[in-house]
Structures are given as structure tokens and as C-alpha cells.
Amino acid sequence: MLIGYARCSTTHQDQDLTAQRDRLMSLGVDAENIFTDVGLTGTNRDRPGLRESLAAARAGDTYVVTKLDRLVRSVRDAKDIADELEAKGVSLSIGGSVYDPHDPMGKMLFTNLAMFAELEADLIRQRTREGMAVAKARGRLRGKQPKLSPAQERHLVSLLDSGEHTTSEVAALMGVSRGTVYRAKERAARSSA
């Protein structure tokens, strides 16, 4: 059986899931045997679609991906997944080429593909950090905005201090989580100390 896996790191799944699905089906994978993850990066190994697809693969099956960077974004993860599939007796097909872990040239090419996938992930992170630094320098990156204004936060603390309401009640009254209430109380305690 052919087990397919496709991943799209943005929540706009039309970005490339359709192309990956079409390519997997052209490689012989049945639509019901294609597992997907949307909005998760390849550097995150804890992906439901990945977990389910690896669990579905049995001895004699072929695990199919369109490109290695859709499966992983690090050399270590590539090796771990390839080793896991090999131990189960499952072949790994990357874009139609079956990876042979016993062939020295195949191992070298696989490792190089994994290195390029990891490099691309590193470059994306670097560009993101640079963009954030530029935005911060221009005053456009302000971080997460507080849920409550200073006046609302003072009112929240006074409600808590009155002893008439529980934390849950204050949270419900203010339309925030209990965590927000606790943090507001901690900030008030620090500022008064």
C-alpha cells in the first residue's frame, strides 16, 4: 500500500496542499491514504497527520512524500523518520524516487536533501528575525497588546481586593481568562511594593 503525507505550514491550505495531493495521487497514492498537516512547520515533529501516517504504514508499504522538506526540516528528524520506516520494513519514496538506506549514494543524496531542508528552515527563521528587528526599530512591532486598559486593570484589582468576588467571577465580569486576572494582580502587587 502507498501511504502519502503532505504538509503546508500556513493556514492557507490551498497554498500547496492541492498541488501536493495531486502529485501524491499521480504517484499512485489513493486519496483516502493521504495524511495532511496544515499550519504546522516541518521543524515541529509533533504533527497529528505525521503521527497518523507513520502509524498507518506497515511492513511492505511505501511512504510517499512529494519533497523531503514537506516531511522534515532537520537532518536529525529526517534520519529518525527514515530509520523508523526502515525498522518497520516500509520504503520511503521522495517525489517518486525510492530511498535505499543501504546504498551509499542514496544515503548521501538523502542527507544532502535533509541538509538543504534544514538550511531553508534556518534561512526563514533568520529572515523573520531580521524583519522583526527592522519593524521594532521603526516602532511597528509592539508585541502582544494588553487585554485590559490600565483603568480596567485597576478596577479588576479593586474587585478582587474587596473580597466580594472570586477570581473566576472577576474573570467572567471582565471578559478575560483567570490567567489574565492573576497576572493583573501580580502586576499590581509589584507596582505597590
Protein backbone atom coordinates (compact mmCIF):
# COMPACT_ATOMS: atom_id res chain seq x y z
CA MET A 1 0.00 0.00 0.00
CA LEU A 2 1.13 3.57 -0.65
CA ILE A 3 0.80 5.98 2.29
CA GLY A 4 1.06 9.67 1.38
CA TYR A 5 1.93 12.65 3.54
CA ALA A 6 1.53 16.34 2.72
CA ARG A 7 2.20 19.41 4.86
CA CYS A 8 1.50 23.11 4.48
CA SER A 9 2.98 25.46 7.08
CA THR A 10 0.42 28.22 6.59
CA THR A 11 -3.26 28.05 7.38
CA HIS A 12 -3.95 28.88 3.73
CA GLN A 13 -4.05 25.21 2.80
CA ASP A 14 -4.72 25.98 -0.84
CA GLN A 15 -1.16 27.33 -0.89
CA ASP A 16 0.28 23.97 -1.78
CA LEU A 17 -1.77 21.11 -0.31
CA THR A 18 -3.74 20.79 -3.54
CA ALA A 19 -0.56 20.53 -5.59
CA GLN A 20 0.90 18.01 -3.11
CA ARG A 21 -2.29 15.91 -3.10
CA ASP A 22 -2.40 15.92 -6.90
CA ARG A 23 1.26 14.91 -7.09
CA LEU A 24 0.79 12.14 -4.49
CA MET A 25 -2.19 10.77 -6.43
CA SER A 26 -0.19 10.91 -9.67
CA LEU A 27 2.43 8.79 -7.86
CA GLY A 28 -0.27 6.19 -7.16
CA VAL A 29 -1.41 7.11 -3.63
CA ASP A 30 -5.16 6.72 -3.10
CA ALA A 31 -6.85 9.89 -1.80
CA GLU A 32 -8.01 8.13 1.39
CA ASN A 33 -4.38 7.19 2.18
CA ILE A 34 -3.11 10.78 2.12
CA PHE A 35 -2.49 12.29 5.55
CA THR A 36 -2.05 16.05 5.93
CA ASP A 37 -0.99 18.73 8.38
CA VAL A 38 -1.98 22.36 7.92
CA GLY A 39 -0.45 25.31 9.74
CA LEU A 40 2.42 23.29 11.22
CA THR A 41 6.06 23.71 10.36
CA GLY A 42 8.35 20.88 9.40
CA THR A 43 10.55 21.69 12.39
CA ASN A 44 7.71 20.60 14.68
CA ARG A 45 7.88 16.81 14.93
CA ASP A 46 4.62 16.65 16.89
CA ARG A 47 2.15 16.78 13.99
CA PRO A 48 -1.09 14.75 14.04
CA GLY A 49 -1.03 13.93 10.32
CA LEU A 50 2.60 12.82 10.50
CA ARG A 51 1.92 10.69 13.56
CA GLU A 52 -1.14 9.05 11.94
CA SER A 53 0.61 8.45 8.62
CA LEU A 54 3.62 6.80 10.28
CA ALA A 55 1.29 4.65 12.39
CA ALA A 56 -0.66 3.60 9.27
CA ALA A 57 2.47 2.39 7.45
CA ARG A 58 3.03 -1.38 7.69
CA ALA A 59 5.78 -3.72 6.51
CA GLY A 60 5.86 -3.81 2.72
CA ASP A 61 4.17 -0.40 2.34
CA THR A 62 5.74 2.65 0.72
CA TYR A 63 5.61 6.00 2.47
CA VAL A 64 5.37 8.75 -0.16
CA VAL A 65 6.13 12.48 0.05
CA THR A 66 6.41 14.97 -2.80
CA LYS A 67 9.57 16.57 -1.40
CA LEU A 68 11.63 15.87 1.69
CA ASP A 69 11.06 19.39 3.07
CA ARG A 70 7.32 18.63 3.28
CA LEU A 71 8.20 15.79 5.67
CA VAL A 72 11.01 17.29 7.76
CA ARG A 73 13.12 20.41 8.19
CA SER A 74 16.11 18.95 10.02
CA VAL A 75 18.75 16.34 9.30
CA ARG A 76 18.12 14.63 12.65
CA ASP A 77 14.36 14.28 12.06
CA ALA A 78 14.98 13.03 8.51
CA LYS A 79 17.30 10.33 9.80
CA ASP A 80 14.96 9.41 12.66
CA ILE A 81 11.93 9.06 10.38
CA ALA A 82 13.91 7.16 7.72
CA ASP A 83 15.24 4.80 10.43
CA GLU A 84 11.74 4.32 11.88
CA LEU A 85 10.33 3.46 8.45
CA GLU A 86 13.24 1.12 7.70
CA ALA A 87 12.78 -0.68 11.04
CA LYS A 88 9.10 -1.25 10.16
CA GLY A 89 10.03 -2.55 6.69
CA VAL A 90 8.49 0.47 4.96
CA SER A 91 10.10 2.06 1.89
CA LEU A 92 10.41 5.85 1.62
CA SER A 93 9.60 7.47 -1.73
CA ILE A 94 10.54 11.12 -2.23
CA GLY A 95 8.93 12.56 -5.33
CA GLY A 96 8.80 9.14 -6.95
CA SER A 97 12.38 8.08 -6.13
CA VAL A 98 12.60 5.35 -3.52
CA TYR A 99 15.28 5.99 -0.92
CA ASP A 100 17.56 2.99 -0.33
CA PRO A 101 19.24 3.33 3.09
CA HIS A 102 21.79 0.65 2.12
CA ASP A 103 23.05 2.46 -0.99
CA PRO A 104 25.93 4.87 -0.13
CA MET A 105 24.98 7.29 -2.93
CA GLY A 106 21.32 7.17 -1.88
CA LYS A 107 22.29 7.92 1.72
CA MET A 108 24.45 10.84 0.60
CA LEU A 109 21.68 12.32 -1.57
CA PHE A 110 19.11 11.85 1.20
CA THR A 111 21.40 13.56 3.73
CA ASN A 112 22.02 16.43 1.29
CA LEU A 113 18.27 16.90 0.74
CA ALA A 114 17.78 16.96 4.52
CA MET A 115 20.61 19.49 4.90
CA PHE A 116 19.01 21.77 2.30
CA ALA A 117 15.61 21.46 4.01
CA GLU A 118 17.22 22.41 7.33
CA LEU A 119 19.14 25.28 5.71
CA GLU A 120 15.92 26.63 4.21
CA ALA A 121 14.21 26.50 7.62
CA ASP A 122 17.18 28.31 9.19
CA LEU A 123 17.08 30.99 6.48
CA ILE A 124 13.34 31.50 7.02
CA ARG A 125 13.93 31.97 10.76
CA GLN A 126 16.79 34.38 10.08
CA ARG A 127 14.71 36.48 7.67
CA THR A 128 11.86 36.55 10.18
CA ARG A 129 14.17 37.76 12.98
CA GLU A 130 15.65 40.42 10.67
CA GLY A 131 12.19 41.60 9.64
CA MET A 132 11.07 41.78 13.25
CA ALA A 133 14.19 43.78 14.19
CA VAL A 134 13.50 46.27 11.38
CA ALA A 135 9.84 46.57 12.41
CA LYS A 136 10.83 47.06 16.05
CA ALA A 137 13.38 49.75 15.10
CA ARG A 138 10.64 51.57 13.16
CA GLY A 139 8.23 51.27 16.09
CA ARG A 140 5.88 48.92 14.24
CA LEU A 141 6.48 45.84 16.38
CA ARG A 142 4.90 46.37 19.74
CA GLY A 143 4.29 42.81 20.88
CA LYS A 144 1.08 41.46 22.29
CA GLN A 145 -1.30 44.20 23.37
CA PRO A 146 -2.83 44.04 26.87
CA LYS A 147 -6.37 42.75 27.14
CA LEU A 148 -7.34 45.44 29.64
CA SER A 149 -6.67 49.16 29.81
CA PRO A 150 -4.88 50.47 32.94
CA ALA A 151 -8.23 51.72 34.30
CA GLN A 152 -9.88 48.33 33.70
CA GLU A 153 -6.96 46.59 35.37
CA ARG A 154 -7.23 48.87 38.46
CA HIS A 155 -10.97 48.12 38.61
CA LEU A 156 -10.27 44.38 38.33
CA VAL A 157 -7.78 44.54 41.22
CA SER A 158 -10.21 46.54 43.37
CA LEU A 159 -12.91 43.91 42.76
CA LEU A 160 -10.51 41.20 43.87
CA ASP A 161 -9.30 43.16 46.89
CA SER A 162 -12.87 43.78 48.06
CA GLY A 163 -13.19 40.05 48.71
CA GLU A 164 -16.74 40.02 47.36
CA HIS A 165 -15.86 38.10 44.19
CA THR A 166 -13.81 35.01 43.36
CA THR A 167 -11.12 35.06 40.69
CA SER A 168 -13.45 33.19 38.32
CA GLU A 169 -16.26 35.68 38.91
CA VAL A 170 -13.97 38.66 38.28
CA ALA A 171 -12.67 36.99 35.11
CA ALA A 172 -16.24 36.46 33.88
CA LEU A 173 -17.24 40.03 34.76
CA MET A 174 -14.26 41.49 32.90
CA GLY A 175 -14.49 39.06 29.97
CA VAL A 176 -10.95 37.73 30.42
CA SER A 177 -9.31 34.48 31.49
CA ARG A 178 -8.38 33.69 35.08
CA GLY A 179 -4.73 33.84 33.99
CA THR A 180 -5.23 37.48 32.97
CA VAL A 181 -6.73 38.19 36.41
CA TYR A 182 -3.76 36.55 38.17
CA ARG A 183 -1.26 38.49 36.05
CA ALA A 184 -3.08 41.78 36.74
CA LYS A 185 -2.99 41.07 40.46
CA GLU A 186 0.74 40.24 40.28
CA ARG A 187 1.47 43.48 38.40
CA ALA A 188 -0.50 45.47 40.97
CA ALA A 189 1.40 43.80 43.82
CA ARG A 190 4.77 44.55 42.15
CA SER A 191 3.91 48.19 41.49
CA SER A 192 2.75 48.78 45.08
CA ALA A 193 5.86 47.14 46.55
